[in-house]
């Protein structure tokens, strides 16, 4: 069984700065007000929109480059299974928590509607509605990219 060595974590200040910039650009990209050119009829405005959207995509590319830079140290210091366990702990569990949190908010909303109006379809077909809501949260909201 391979032995996993514990090393002190190396913190690169420039990596943290690039991550911050990348996060900001990704948030802007995903919350862009006009995702299509239907609101911009002037070709000049369409060009400005296209250029700014490409600049905001800088964040995604930056994350790939940083991942390649940072994984170099991890290859020498950890096993594949150890790496996957750590990624599971830091990615899937928070994702699952927020998925369930959003689902709870949707059902609280259904309950409030039920209190105000009476019958709500969600309570007459709970499992069908649950599947629909899970599909909606994972694929139709901005939660898909998490």
C-alpha atoms as a PDB file:
ATOM      1  CA  UNK A   1       0.000   0.000   0.000  1.00  0.00           C
ATOM      2  CA  UNK A   2       1.558   3.320  -1.038  1.00  0.00           C
ATOM      3  CA  UNK A   3       2.333   5.738   1.737  1.00  0.00           C
ATOM      4  CA  UNK A   4       0.877   9.222   1.399  1.00  0.00           C
ATOM      5  CA  UNK A   5       3.265  11.952   2.469  1.00  0.00           C
ATOM      6  CA  UNK A   6       1.959  15.000   4.287  1.00  0.00           C
ATOM      7  CA  UNK A   7       3.646  18.159   3.121  1.00  0.00           C
ATOM      8  CA  UNK A   8       3.066  21.683   4.226  1.00  0.00           C
ATOM      9  CA  UNK A   9       0.644  23.389   1.882  1.00  0.00           C
ATOM     10  CA  UNK A  10       2.315  25.785  -0.525  1.00  0.00           C
ATOM     11  CA  UNK A  11       0.380  28.989  -1.061  1.00  0.00           C
ATOM     12  CA  UNK A  12       1.082  30.990  -4.209  1.00  0.00           C
ATOM     13  CA  UNK A  13      -0.105  34.592  -3.870  1.00  0.00           C
ATOM     14  CA  UNK A  14      -0.328  35.115  -7.623  1.00  0.00           C
ATOM     15  CA  UNK A  15      -2.555  32.029  -7.917  1.00  0.00           C
ATOM     16  CA  UNK A  16      -4.960  33.456  -5.332  1.00  0.00           C
ATOM     17  CA  UNK A  17      -5.056  36.757  -7.222  1.00  0.00           C
ATOM     18  CA  UNK A  18      -5.746  35.026 -10.537  1.00  0.00           C
ATOM     19  CA  UNK A  19      -8.444  32.887  -8.912  1.00  0.00           C
ATOM     20  CA  UNK A  20     -10.151  36.028  -7.607  1.00  0.00           C
ATOM     21  CA  UNK A  21     -10.141  37.649 -11.052  1.00  0.00           C
ATOM     22  CA  UNK A  22     -11.313  34.408 -12.663  1.00  0.00           C
ATOM     23  CA  UNK A  23     -14.187  34.017 -10.192  1.00  0.00           C
ATOM     24  CA  UNK A  24     -15.358  37.583 -10.826  1.00  0.00           C
ATOM     25  CA  UNK A  25     -15.298  37.109 -14.609  1.00  0.00           C
ATOM     26  CA  UNK A  26     -17.161  33.800 -14.385  1.00  0.00           C
ATOM     27  CA  UNK A  27     -19.861  35.333 -12.178  1.00  0.00           C
ATOM     28  CA  UNK A  28     -20.236  38.200 -14.656  1.00  0.00           C
ATOM     29  CA  UNK A  29     -20.356  35.765 -17.570  1.00  0.00           C
ATOM     30  CA  UNK A  30     -23.059  33.643 -15.948  1.00  0.00           C
ATOM     31  CA  UNK A  31     -25.150  36.610 -14.884  1.00  0.00           C
ATOM     32  CA  UNK A  32     -24.833  38.579 -18.109  1.00  0.00           C
ATOM     33  CA  UNK A  33     -28.025  40.545 -18.626  1.00  0.00           C
ATOM     34  CA  UNK A  34     -28.485  40.100 -22.377  1.00  0.00           C
ATOM     35  CA  UNK A  35     -27.200  36.690 -23.509  1.00  0.00           C
ATOM     36  CA  UNK A  36     -28.329  37.177 -27.114  1.00  0.00           C
ATOM     37  CA  UNK A  37     -27.959  40.007 -29.573  1.00  0.00           C
ATOM     38  CA  UNK A  38     -31.739  40.438 -29.871  1.00  0.00           C
ATOM     39  CA  UNK A  39     -31.574  43.568 -27.688  1.00  0.00           C
ATOM     40  CA  UNK A  40     -28.718  45.071 -29.664  1.00  0.00           C
ATOM     41  CA  UNK A  41     -29.740  46.113 -33.153  1.00  0.00           C
ATOM     42  CA  UNK A  42     -26.756  48.322 -33.901  1.00  0.00           C
ATOM     43  CA  UNK A  43     -23.767  46.335 -35.256  1.00  0.00           C
ATOM     44  CA  UNK A  44     -21.420  48.418 -33.087  1.00  0.00           C
ATOM     45  CA  UNK A  45     -23.301  47.400 -29.935  1.00  0.00           C
ATOM     46  CA  UNK A  46     -23.245  43.771 -31.061  1.00  0.00           C
ATOM     47  CA  UNK A  47     -19.466  43.955 -31.473  1.00  0.00           C
ATOM     48  CA  UNK A  48     -19.060  45.480 -28.015  1.00  0.00           C
ATOM     49  CA  UNK A  49     -21.231  42.724 -26.546  1.00  0.00           C
ATOM     50  CA  UNK A  50     -19.264  39.997 -28.335  1.00  0.00           C
ATOM     51  CA  UNK A  51     -15.913  41.408 -27.216  1.00  0.00           C
ATOM     52  CA  UNK A  52     -16.952  41.832 -23.570  1.00  0.00           C
ATOM     53  CA  UNK A  53     -18.363  38.311 -23.448  1.00  0.00           C
ATOM     54  CA  UNK A  54     -15.071  36.927 -24.763  1.00  0.00           C
ATOM     55  CA  UNK A  55     -13.154  38.894 -22.130  1.00  0.00           C
ATOM     56  CA  UNK A  56     -15.350  37.421 -19.397  1.00  0.00           C
ATOM     57  CA  UNK A  57     -14.517  33.904 -20.645  1.00  0.00           C
ATOM     58  CA  UNK A  58     -10.979  34.596 -19.445  1.00  0.00           C
ATOM     59  CA  UNK A  59     -11.992  33.157 -16.074  1.00  0.00           C
ATOM     60  CA  UNK A  60     -12.738  29.672 -17.365  1.00  0.00           C
ATOM     61  CA  UNK A  61      -9.470  29.462 -19.263  1.00  0.00           C
ATOM     62  CA  UNK A  62      -7.587  30.766 -16.232  1.00  0.00           C
ATOM     63  CA  UNK A  63      -9.012  28.011 -14.021  1.00  0.00           C
ATOM     64  CA  UNK A  64      -7.813  25.329 -16.463  1.00  0.00           C
ATOM     65  CA  UNK A  65      -4.330  26.835 -16.589  1.00  0.00           C
ATOM     66  CA  UNK A  66      -4.152  27.137 -12.786  1.00  0.00           C
ATOM     67  CA  UNK A  67      -5.363  23.555 -12.362  1.00  0.00           C
ATOM     68  CA  UNK A  68      -2.577  22.332 -14.629  1.00  0.00           C
ATOM     69  CA  UNK A  69      -0.028  24.401 -12.730  1.00  0.00           C
ATOM     70  CA  UNK A  70      -1.183  23.239  -9.296  1.00  0.00           C
ATOM     71  CA  UNK A  71      -1.683  19.566 -10.110  1.00  0.00           C
ATOM     72  CA  UNK A  72       2.030  19.189 -10.844  1.00  0.00           C
ATOM     73  CA  UNK A  73       2.824  19.166  -7.120  1.00  0.00           C
ATOM     74  CA  UNK A  74      -0.100  16.864  -6.312  1.00  0.00           C
ATOM     75  CA  UNK A  75       1.052  14.159  -8.743  1.00  0.00           C
ATOM     76  CA  UNK A  76       4.278  13.717  -6.793  1.00  0.00           C
ATOM     77  CA  UNK A  77       2.790  13.928  -3.289  1.00  0.00           C
ATOM     78  CA  UNK A  78      -0.487  11.969  -3.336  1.00  0.00           C
ATOM     79  CA  UNK A  79      -2.076   8.859  -4.774  1.00  0.00           C
ATOM     80  CA  UNK A  80      -4.894   8.901  -7.309  1.00  0.00           C
ATOM     81  CA  UNK A  81      -7.351   7.500  -4.771  1.00  0.00           C
ATOM     82  CA  UNK A  82      -6.338  10.078  -2.162  1.00  0.00           C
ATOM     83  CA  UNK A  83      -6.775  12.860  -4.695  1.00  0.00           C
ATOM     84  CA  UNK A  84     -10.242  11.614  -5.709  1.00  0.00           C
ATOM     85  CA  UNK A  85     -11.332  11.292  -2.063  1.00  0.00           C
ATOM     86  CA  UNK A  86     -10.261  14.860  -1.364  1.00  0.00           C
ATOM     87  CA  UNK A  87     -12.039  16.143  -4.492  1.00  0.00           C
ATOM     88  CA  UNK A  88     -15.186  14.267  -3.450  1.00  0.00           C
ATOM     89  CA  UNK A  89     -15.069  15.831   0.010  1.00  0.00           C
ATOM     90  CA  UNK A  90     -14.519  19.348  -1.272  1.00  0.00           C
ATOM     91  CA  UNK A  91     -16.835  19.263  -4.309  1.00  0.00           C
ATOM     92  CA  UNK A  92     -19.652  16.741  -4.149  1.00  0.00           C
ATOM     93  CA  UNK A  93     -20.715  17.219  -0.539  1.00  0.00           C
ATOM     94  CA  UNK A  94     -21.182  21.019  -0.839  1.00  0.00           C
ATOM     95  CA  UNK A  95     -22.927  20.509  -4.196  1.00  0.00           C
ATOM     96  CA  UNK A  96     -25.319  18.010  -2.605  1.00  0.00           C
ATOM     97  CA  UNK A  97     -25.945  20.319   0.362  1.00  0.00           C
ATOM     98  CA  UNK A  98     -26.929  23.247  -1.887  1.00  0.00           C
ATOM     99  CA  UNK A  99     -29.020  21.011  -4.132  1.00  0.00           C
ATOM    100  CA  UNK A 100     -31.042  19.890  -1.116  1.00  0.00           C
ATOM    101  CA  UNK A 101     -31.208  23.461   0.185  1.00  0.00           C
ATOM    102  CA  UNK A 102     -32.662  24.724  -3.120  1.00  0.00           C
ATOM    103  CA  UNK A 103     -35.088  21.807  -3.174  1.00  0.00           C
ATOM    104  CA  UNK A 104     -36.207  22.694   0.351  1.00  0.00           C
ATOM    105  CA  UNK A 105     -36.800  26.308  -0.726  1.00  0.00           C
ATOM    106  CA  UNK A 106     -38.956  25.133  -3.631  1.00  0.00           C
ATOM    107  CA  UNK A 107     -41.074  22.957  -1.338  1.00  0.00           C
ATOM    108  CA  UNK A 108     -41.411  25.779   1.187  1.00  0.00           C
ATOM    109  CA  UNK A 109     -42.705  27.889  -1.693  1.00  0.00           C
ATOM    110  CA  UNK A 110     -45.180  25.120  -2.603  1.00  0.00           C
ATOM    111  CA  UNK A 111     -46.335  25.010   1.016  1.00  0.00           C
ATOM    112  CA  UNK A 112     -46.881  28.783   1.127  1.00  0.00           C
ATOM    113  CA  UNK A 113     -48.908  28.549  -2.098  1.00  0.00           C
ATOM    114  CA  UNK A 114     -50.896  25.708  -0.538  1.00  0.00           C
ATOM    115  CA  UNK A 115     -51.656  27.822   2.539  1.00  0.00           C
ATOM    116  CA  UNK A 116     -52.800  30.738   0.386  1.00  0.00           C
ATOM    117  CA  UNK A 117     -54.739  28.957  -2.368  1.00  0.00           C
ATOM    118  CA  UNK A 118     -55.495  25.445  -1.197  1.00  0.00           C
ATOM    119  CA  UNK A 119     -54.592  22.638  -3.612  1.00  0.00           C
ATOM    120  CA  UNK A 120     -51.077  22.430  -5.007  1.00  0.00           C
ATOM    121  CA  UNK A 121     -50.218  19.829  -7.636  1.00  0.00           C
ATOM    122  CA  UNK A 122     -46.860  19.169  -5.977  1.00  0.00           C
ATOM    123  CA  UNK A 123     -48.575  17.537  -3.000  1.00  0.00           C
ATOM    124  CA  UNK A 124     -50.862  15.330  -5.085  1.00  0.00           C
ATOM    125  CA  UNK A 125     -47.920  13.832  -7.059  1.00  0.00           C
ATOM    126  CA  UNK A 126     -44.932  14.261  -4.729  1.00  0.00           C
ATOM    127  CA  UNK A 127     -42.439  11.899  -6.411  1.00  0.00           C
ATOM    128  CA  UNK A 128     -43.194  13.116  -9.927  1.00  0.00           C
ATOM    129  CA  UNK A 129     -42.821  16.703  -8.753  1.00  0.00           C
ATOM    130  CA  UNK A 130     -39.607  15.837  -6.902  1.00  0.00           C
ATOM    131  CA  UNK A 131     -38.091  14.471 -10.107  1.00  0.00           C
ATOM    132  CA  UNK A 132     -39.217  17.541 -12.036  1.00  0.00           C
ATOM    133  CA  UNK A 133     -37.746  19.869  -9.427  1.00  0.00           C
ATOM    134  CA  UNK A 134     -34.424  18.010  -9.276  1.00  0.00           C
ATOM    135  CA  UNK A 135     -34.207  18.162 -13.074  1.00  0.00           C
ATOM    136  CA  UNK A 136     -35.074  21.865 -12.986  1.00  0.00           C
ATOM    137  CA  UNK A 137     -32.466  22.691 -10.325  1.00  0.00           C
ATOM    138  CA  UNK A 138     -29.647  20.693 -11.906  1.00  0.00           C
ATOM    139  CA  UNK A 139     -30.208  21.492 -15.590  1.00  0.00           C
ATOM    140  CA  UNK A 140     -32.356  24.624 -15.933  1.00  0.00           C
ATOM    141  CA  UNK A 141     -30.954  26.995 -13.316  1.00  0.00           C
ATOM    142  CA  UNK A 142     -27.474  28.461 -12.999  1.00  0.00           C
ATOM    143  CA  UNK A 143     -26.753  25.622 -10.536  1.00  0.00           C
ATOM    144  CA  UNK A 144     -25.803  23.350 -13.480  1.00  0.00           C
ATOM    145  CA  UNK A 145     -22.269  24.706 -13.744  1.00  0.00           C
ATOM    146  CA  UNK A 146     -21.483  24.044 -10.092  1.00  0.00           C
END
